[in-house]
């Protein structure tokens, strides 16, 4: 669940991210369908078109060229599109899994980048106006200003001012509780990037094992002359799953570390700014000296 003070602007942002992921999913589905159709078209007339016979007076160079473009069983070697080859090697299961992981990674990166901005966490207009109201001792207006602001700093300041009548220590504790709650929420949302970064290589390793097992199965069932095509299919599955797992994990972990450091810096800034403002009420509720 999101924070109860979340504004409609933040909800609209998340709806936009969901729509963005949906568009990416449709685009990827279209690419997969096009690649599948392209692969079927490549093989549609493969068996109906015999290889052109070499002229009787062709020299050794022609024989060498024919050998270079023919397989061991006399059939011509067909060049496959790289995307088609990748989808065929991955299979339906790994294609869906890696597609979902990549789309989730992109959506999480966009959402966290938008959420972890200084203008969202520590808005400059709030800082400036709140300080001016405190200088003029217009505390009620300062409280209303902070309460109407949906930023982390606004929630911290409004909570502190609301608890000031009960004493400075209780107000400070309430501010720290709000700050920790919001920090945990942001870290929880950010932690999914680390989960994807750790999960993707493991799925790639699982695909590596599946591909190598398929290759060894082709060797075991092929006897003295195993099918090179079956061997290549298993090795391609192993390599493509490993490649995609690393390709997803690297940007996910990099974005997680960068955004985590950014969040820590903003939380420190919130603590410094709120302490500077609320330090003016340090004598409220203090025991008088005897």
Protein backbone atom coordinates (compact mmCIF):
# COMPACT_ATOMS: atom_id res chain seq x y z
CA UNK A 1 0.00 0.00 0.00
CA UNK A 2 1.13 3.51 -0.71
CA UNK A 3 1.43 6.23 1.87
CA UNK A 4 -1.95 7.61 2.90
CA UNK A 5 -0.79 11.14 2.16
CA UNK A 6 0.08 10.33 -1.40
CA UNK A 7 -1.20 12.98 -3.77
CA UNK A 8 -3.16 12.50 -6.94
CA UNK A 9 -0.08 13.62 -8.85
CA UNK A 10 1.88 10.64 -7.55
CA UNK A 11 -1.00 8.31 -8.38
CA UNK A 12 -1.18 9.72 -11.89
CA UNK A 13 2.56 9.14 -12.23
CA UNK A 14 2.22 5.49 -11.29
CA UNK A 15 -0.68 5.09 -13.70
CA UNK A 16 1.52 6.56 -16.43
CA UNK A 17 4.28 4.07 -15.55
CA UNK A 18 1.81 1.19 -15.77
CA UNK A 19 0.66 2.44 -19.17
CA UNK A 20 4.29 2.72 -20.26
CA UNK A 21 4.96 -0.89 -19.27
CA UNK A 22 1.81 -2.00 -21.09
CA UNK A 23 2.98 -0.27 -24.27
CA UNK A 24 6.39 -1.90 -23.96
CA UNK A 25 4.71 -5.28 -23.52
CA UNK A 26 2.62 -4.80 -26.64
CA UNK A 27 5.67 -3.67 -28.58
CA UNK A 28 7.66 -6.68 -27.48
CA UNK A 29 4.79 -9.00 -28.36
CA UNK A 30 4.65 -7.43 -31.81
CA UNK A 31 8.40 -7.93 -32.27
CA UNK A 32 8.14 -11.58 -31.20
CA UNK A 33 5.24 -12.19 -33.58
CA UNK A 34 7.09 -10.54 -36.45
CA UNK A 35 10.20 -12.56 -35.70
CA UNK A 36 8.19 -15.78 -35.61
CA UNK A 37 6.51 -14.98 -38.92
CA UNK A 38 9.88 -14.11 -40.43
CA UNK A 39 11.26 -17.42 -39.29
CA UNK A 40 8.35 -19.32 -40.79
CA UNK A 41 8.77 -17.46 -44.07
CA UNK A 42 12.45 -18.35 -44.16
CA UNK A 43 11.65 -22.06 -43.87
CA UNK A 44 8.42 -22.06 -45.90
CA UNK A 45 9.97 -22.92 -49.26
CA UNK A 46 13.22 -24.33 -47.99
CA UNK A 47 12.34 -27.90 -48.90
CA UNK A 48 10.80 -27.01 -52.27
CA UNK A 49 13.81 -25.25 -53.75
CA UNK A 50 16.54 -27.72 -54.66
CA UNK A 51 20.08 -26.58 -54.72
CA UNK A 52 21.22 -25.43 -58.14
CA UNK A 53 23.40 -27.99 -59.81
CA UNK A 54 26.94 -26.91 -60.51
CA UNK A 55 27.87 -26.57 -64.20
CA UNK A 56 29.84 -29.43 -65.67
CA UNK A 57 32.68 -27.16 -66.67
CA UNK A 58 32.90 -25.41 -63.29
CA UNK A 59 36.38 -25.29 -61.87
CA UNK A 60 37.70 -26.02 -58.42
CA UNK A 61 36.76 -22.54 -57.24
CA UNK A 62 33.08 -23.18 -58.00
CA UNK A 63 33.21 -26.50 -56.16
CA UNK A 64 34.77 -24.78 -53.16
CA UNK A 65 32.10 -22.08 -53.18
CA UNK A 66 29.34 -24.68 -53.35
CA UNK A 67 30.90 -26.55 -50.46
CA UNK A 68 31.08 -23.35 -48.42
CA UNK A 69 27.36 -22.75 -48.82
CA UNK A 70 26.20 -26.33 -48.35
CA UNK A 71 25.92 -28.45 -45.27
CA UNK A 72 27.33 -31.97 -44.80
CA UNK A 73 24.12 -33.62 -46.01
CA UNK A 74 24.02 -31.62 -49.25
CA UNK A 75 21.36 -29.08 -48.16
CA UNK A 76 22.11 -25.37 -48.53
CA UNK A 77 23.00 -23.49 -45.35
CA UNK A 78 20.26 -21.00 -44.42
CA UNK A 79 21.15 -17.70 -42.83
CA UNK A 80 18.86 -16.88 -39.93
CA UNK A 81 17.93 -13.49 -38.60
CA UNK A 82 19.68 -12.89 -35.27
CA UNK A 83 16.45 -11.97 -33.48
CA UNK A 84 14.69 -15.06 -34.83
CA UNK A 85 17.61 -17.23 -33.77
CA UNK A 86 17.57 -15.76 -30.28
CA UNK A 87 13.84 -16.31 -29.77
CA UNK A 88 14.04 -19.85 -31.07
CA UNK A 89 17.00 -20.64 -28.82
CA UNK A 90 15.34 -19.16 -25.73
CA UNK A 91 12.03 -20.89 -26.21
CA UNK A 92 8.67 -19.66 -24.97
CA UNK A 93 9.39 -19.98 -21.24
CA UNK A 94 12.64 -18.03 -21.12
CA UNK A 95 11.34 -15.45 -23.60
CA UNK A 96 8.38 -14.65 -21.36
CA UNK A 97 10.43 -14.64 -18.15
CA UNK A 98 13.17 -12.36 -19.46
CA UNK A 99 10.63 -10.08 -21.13
CA UNK A 100 8.76 -9.61 -17.85
CA UNK A 101 11.99 -9.02 -15.93
CA UNK A 102 13.23 -6.42 -18.40
CA UNK A 103 9.90 -4.57 -18.48
CA UNK A 104 9.68 -4.58 -14.68
CA UNK A 105 13.24 -3.27 -14.46
CA UNK A 106 12.53 -0.37 -16.82
CA UNK A 107 9.31 0.53 -14.98
CA UNK A 108 11.01 0.44 -11.57
CA UNK A 109 13.92 2.56 -12.75
CA UNK A 110 11.55 5.18 -14.18
CA UNK A 111 9.35 5.21 -11.06
CA UNK A 112 12.29 5.54 -8.67
CA UNK A 113 14.00 8.23 -10.71
CA UNK A 114 10.79 10.26 -10.70
CA UNK A 115 10.17 9.67 -6.98
CA UNK A 116 13.75 10.43 -5.89
CA UNK A 117 13.97 14.03 -7.04
CA UNK A 118 14.88 16.96 -4.85
CA UNK A 119 11.80 18.85 -5.99
CA UNK A 120 9.64 15.95 -4.74
CA UNK A 121 11.41 15.28 -1.43
CA UNK A 122 12.77 18.73 -0.47
CA UNK A 123 10.93 21.36 -2.53
CA UNK A 124 12.69 24.71 -2.50
CA UNK A 125 9.47 26.81 -2.40
CA UNK A 126 8.38 25.03 0.79
CA UNK A 127 11.75 25.55 2.45
CA UNK A 128 11.80 29.24 1.62
CA UNK A 129 8.16 30.00 2.53
CA UNK A 130 8.24 27.92 5.71
CA UNK A 131 11.31 29.75 6.96
CA UNK A 132 9.76 33.14 6.25
CA UNK A 133 6.59 32.24 8.15
CA UNK A 134 8.58 31.05 11.14
CA UNK A 135 10.58 34.27 11.15
CA UNK A 136 7.31 36.22 11.25
CA UNK A 137 5.98 33.90 14.02
CA UNK A 138 3.02 32.88 11.87
CA UNK A 139 3.09 29.32 13.12
CA UNK A 140 -0.45 28.34 12.14
CA UNK A 141 0.13 29.40 8.55
CA UNK A 142 3.47 27.57 8.54
CA UNK A 143 1.70 24.43 9.76
CA UNK A 144 -0.98 24.71 7.06
CA UNK A 145 1.67 25.26 4.40
CA UNK A 146 3.62 22.14 5.44
CA UNK A 147 0.45 20.07 5.84
CA UNK A 148 -0.76 20.88 2.32
CA UNK A 149 2.61 19.91 0.83
CA UNK A 150 2.91 16.22 -0.05
CA UNK A 151 6.71 16.07 0.05
CA UNK A 152 8.65 14.19 2.71
CA UNK A 153 9.89 17.45 4.19
CA UNK A 154 6.33 18.78 4.36
CA UNK A 155 5.10 15.72 6.26
CA UNK A 156 8.01 15.89 8.67
CA UNK A 157 7.57 19.60 9.38
CA UNK A 158 3.79 19.41 9.77
CA UNK A 159 4.14 16.49 12.19
CA UNK A 160 6.75 18.38 14.22
CA UNK A 161 4.67 21.53 14.50
CA UNK A 162 1.57 19.55 15.44
CA UNK A 163 3.43 17.89 18.32
CA UNK A 164 5.22 21.00 19.59
CA UNK A 165 2.58 21.73 22.28
CA UNK A 166 3.41 18.34 23.85
CA UNK A 167 7.09 19.17 24.13
CA UNK A 168 10.14 19.45 21.91
CA UNK A 169 11.37 15.91 22.57
CA UNK A 170 8.05 14.32 21.63
CA UNK A 171 7.85 16.48 18.51
CA UNK A 172 11.36 15.43 17.50
CA UNK A 173 10.52 11.78 18.05
CA UNK A 174 7.36 12.08 15.95
CA UNK A 175 9.35 13.70 13.14
CA UNK A 176 11.88 10.88 13.23
CA UNK A 177 9.10 8.29 13.09
CA UNK A 178 7.59 9.89 9.98
CA UNK A 179 11.01 10.13 8.35
CA UNK A 180 11.80 6.48 9.06
CA UNK A 181 8.41 5.35 7.78
CA UNK A 182 8.85 7.21 4.50
CA UNK A 183 12.44 6.00 4.16
CA UNK A 184 11.32 2.39 4.58
CA UNK A 185 8.64 2.87 1.93
CA UNK A 186 11.11 4.30 -0.57
CA UNK A 187 13.71 1.64 0.21
CA UNK A 188 11.08 -1.07 -0.17
CA UNK A 189 10.17 0.23 -3.63
CA UNK A 190 13.83 0.52 -4.52
CA UNK A 191 14.62 -2.98 -3.26
CA UNK A 192 12.76 -4.60 -6.14
CA UNK A 193 15.56 -3.44 -8.44
CA UNK A 194 18.06 -5.38 -6.33
CA UNK A 195 15.76 -8.40 -6.45
CA UNK A 196 15.67 -8.30 -10.25
CA UNK A 197 19.44 -7.79 -10.38
CA UNK A 198 20.02 -10.89 -8.25
CA UNK A 199 17.30 -13.01 -9.84
CA UNK A 200 18.15 -12.47 -13.53
CA UNK A 201 21.62 -14.13 -13.45
CA UNK A 202 20.17 -17.11 -11.56
CA UNK A 203 17.54 -17.58 -14.26
CA UNK A 204 20.31 -17.25 -16.85
CA UNK A 205 22.30 -19.93 -15.03
CA UNK A 206 19.24 -22.15 -15.00
CA UNK A 207 18.96 -21.67 -18.77
CA UNK A 208 22.64 -22.53 -19.13
CA UNK A 209 22.08 -25.84 -17.37
CA UNK A 210 19.01 -26.57 -19.49
CA UNK A 211 20.89 -25.85 -22.71
CA UNK A 212 23.91 -27.96 -21.76
CA UNK A 213 21.67 -30.86 -20.79
CA UNK A 214 20.03 -30.64 -24.20
CA UNK A 215 23.43 -30.72 -25.89
CA UNK A 216 24.62 -33.74 -23.90
CA UNK A 217 21.34 -35.46 -24.64
CA UNK A 218 21.98 -34.94 -28.35
CA UNK A 219 25.45 -36.46 -27.93
CA UNK A 220 24.09 -39.42 -25.98
CA UNK A 221 21.32 -40.16 -28.46
CA UNK A 222 23.40 -39.44 -31.56
CA UNK A 223 25.95 -42.19 -31.06
CA UNK A 224 29.23 -41.78 -32.88
CA UNK A 225 27.92 -38.95 -35.10
CA UNK A 226 25.66 -36.61 -33.08
CA UNK A 227 23.67 -34.01 -34.95
CA UNK A 228 25.58 -30.70 -35.10
CA UNK A 229 22.28 -28.84 -35.29
CA UNK A 230 21.05 -30.34 -32.02
CA UNK A 231 24.35 -29.52 -30.35
CA UNK A 232 24.21 -25.95 -31.62
CA UNK A 233 20.64 -25.50 -30.38
CA UNK A 234 21.53 -26.56 -26.85
CA UNK A 235 24.66 -24.40 -26.72
CA UNK A 236 22.74 -21.44 -28.14
CA UNK A 237 20.12 -21.80 -25.40
CA UNK A 238 22.83 -21.87 -22.75
CA UNK A 239 24.62 -18.79 -24.10
CA UNK A 240 21.54 -16.67 -24.85
CA UNK A 241 20.02 -17.21 -21.40
CA UNK A 242 23.32 -16.29 -19.76
CA UNK A 243 23.66 -13.21 -21.94
CA UNK A 244 20.16 -11.93 -21.22
CA UNK A 245 20.46 -12.64 -17.51
CA UNK A 246 23.60 -10.52 -17.28
CA UNK A 247 22.16 -7.85 -19.60
CA UNK A 248 19.23 -7.38 -17.22
CA UNK A 249 21.20 -7.69 -13.98
CA UNK A 250 23.92 -5.14 -14.76
CA UNK A 251 21.70 -2.06 -15.30
CA UNK A 252 19.36 -3.13 -12.49
CA UNK A 253 22.16 -3.35 -9.91
CA UNK A 254 23.82 -0.18 -11.18
CA UNK A 255 20.56 1.77 -10.94
CA UNK A 256 19.90 0.33 -7.48
CA UNK A 257 23.26 1.50 -6.09
CA UNK A 258 22.99 4.96 -7.65
CA UNK A 259 19.42 5.53 -6.49
CA UNK A 260 20.12 4.15 -3.02
CA UNK A 261 22.95 6.64 -2.53
CA UNK A 262 20.69 9.38 -3.84
CA UNK A 263 17.97 8.45 -1.36
CA UNK A 264 20.43 8.44 1.54
CA UNK A 265 21.65 11.92 0.61
CA UNK A 266 18.10 13.30 0.41
CA UNK A 267 17.13 11.75 3.77
CA UNK A 268 20.17 13.40 5.36
CA UNK A 269 19.19 16.73 3.85
CA UNK A 270 15.65 16.37 5.19
CA UNK A 271 17.03 15.73 8.68
CA UNK A 272 19.31 18.76 8.52
CA UNK A 273 16.62 21.13 7.21
CA UNK A 274 13.94 19.95 9.65
CA UNK A 275 16.33 20.16 12.62
CA UNK A 276 17.29 23.70 11.68
CA UNK A 277 13.65 24.78 11.55
CA UNK A 278 12.42 22.96 14.63
CA UNK A 279 15.46 23.91 16.68
CA UNK A 280 13.75 27.23 17.31
CA UNK A 281 11.32 25.43 19.61
CA UNK A 282 13.97 23.59 21.65
CA UNK A 283 12.88 25.36 24.85
CA UNK A 284 9.25 24.29 24.54
CA UNK A 285 8.39 21.81 27.27
CA UNK A 286 11.83 22.03 28.88
CA UNK A 287 11.98 21.82 32.66
CA UNK A 288 12.73 25.21 34.24
CA UNK A 289 16.04 25.48 36.05
CA UNK A 290 15.88 25.83 39.81
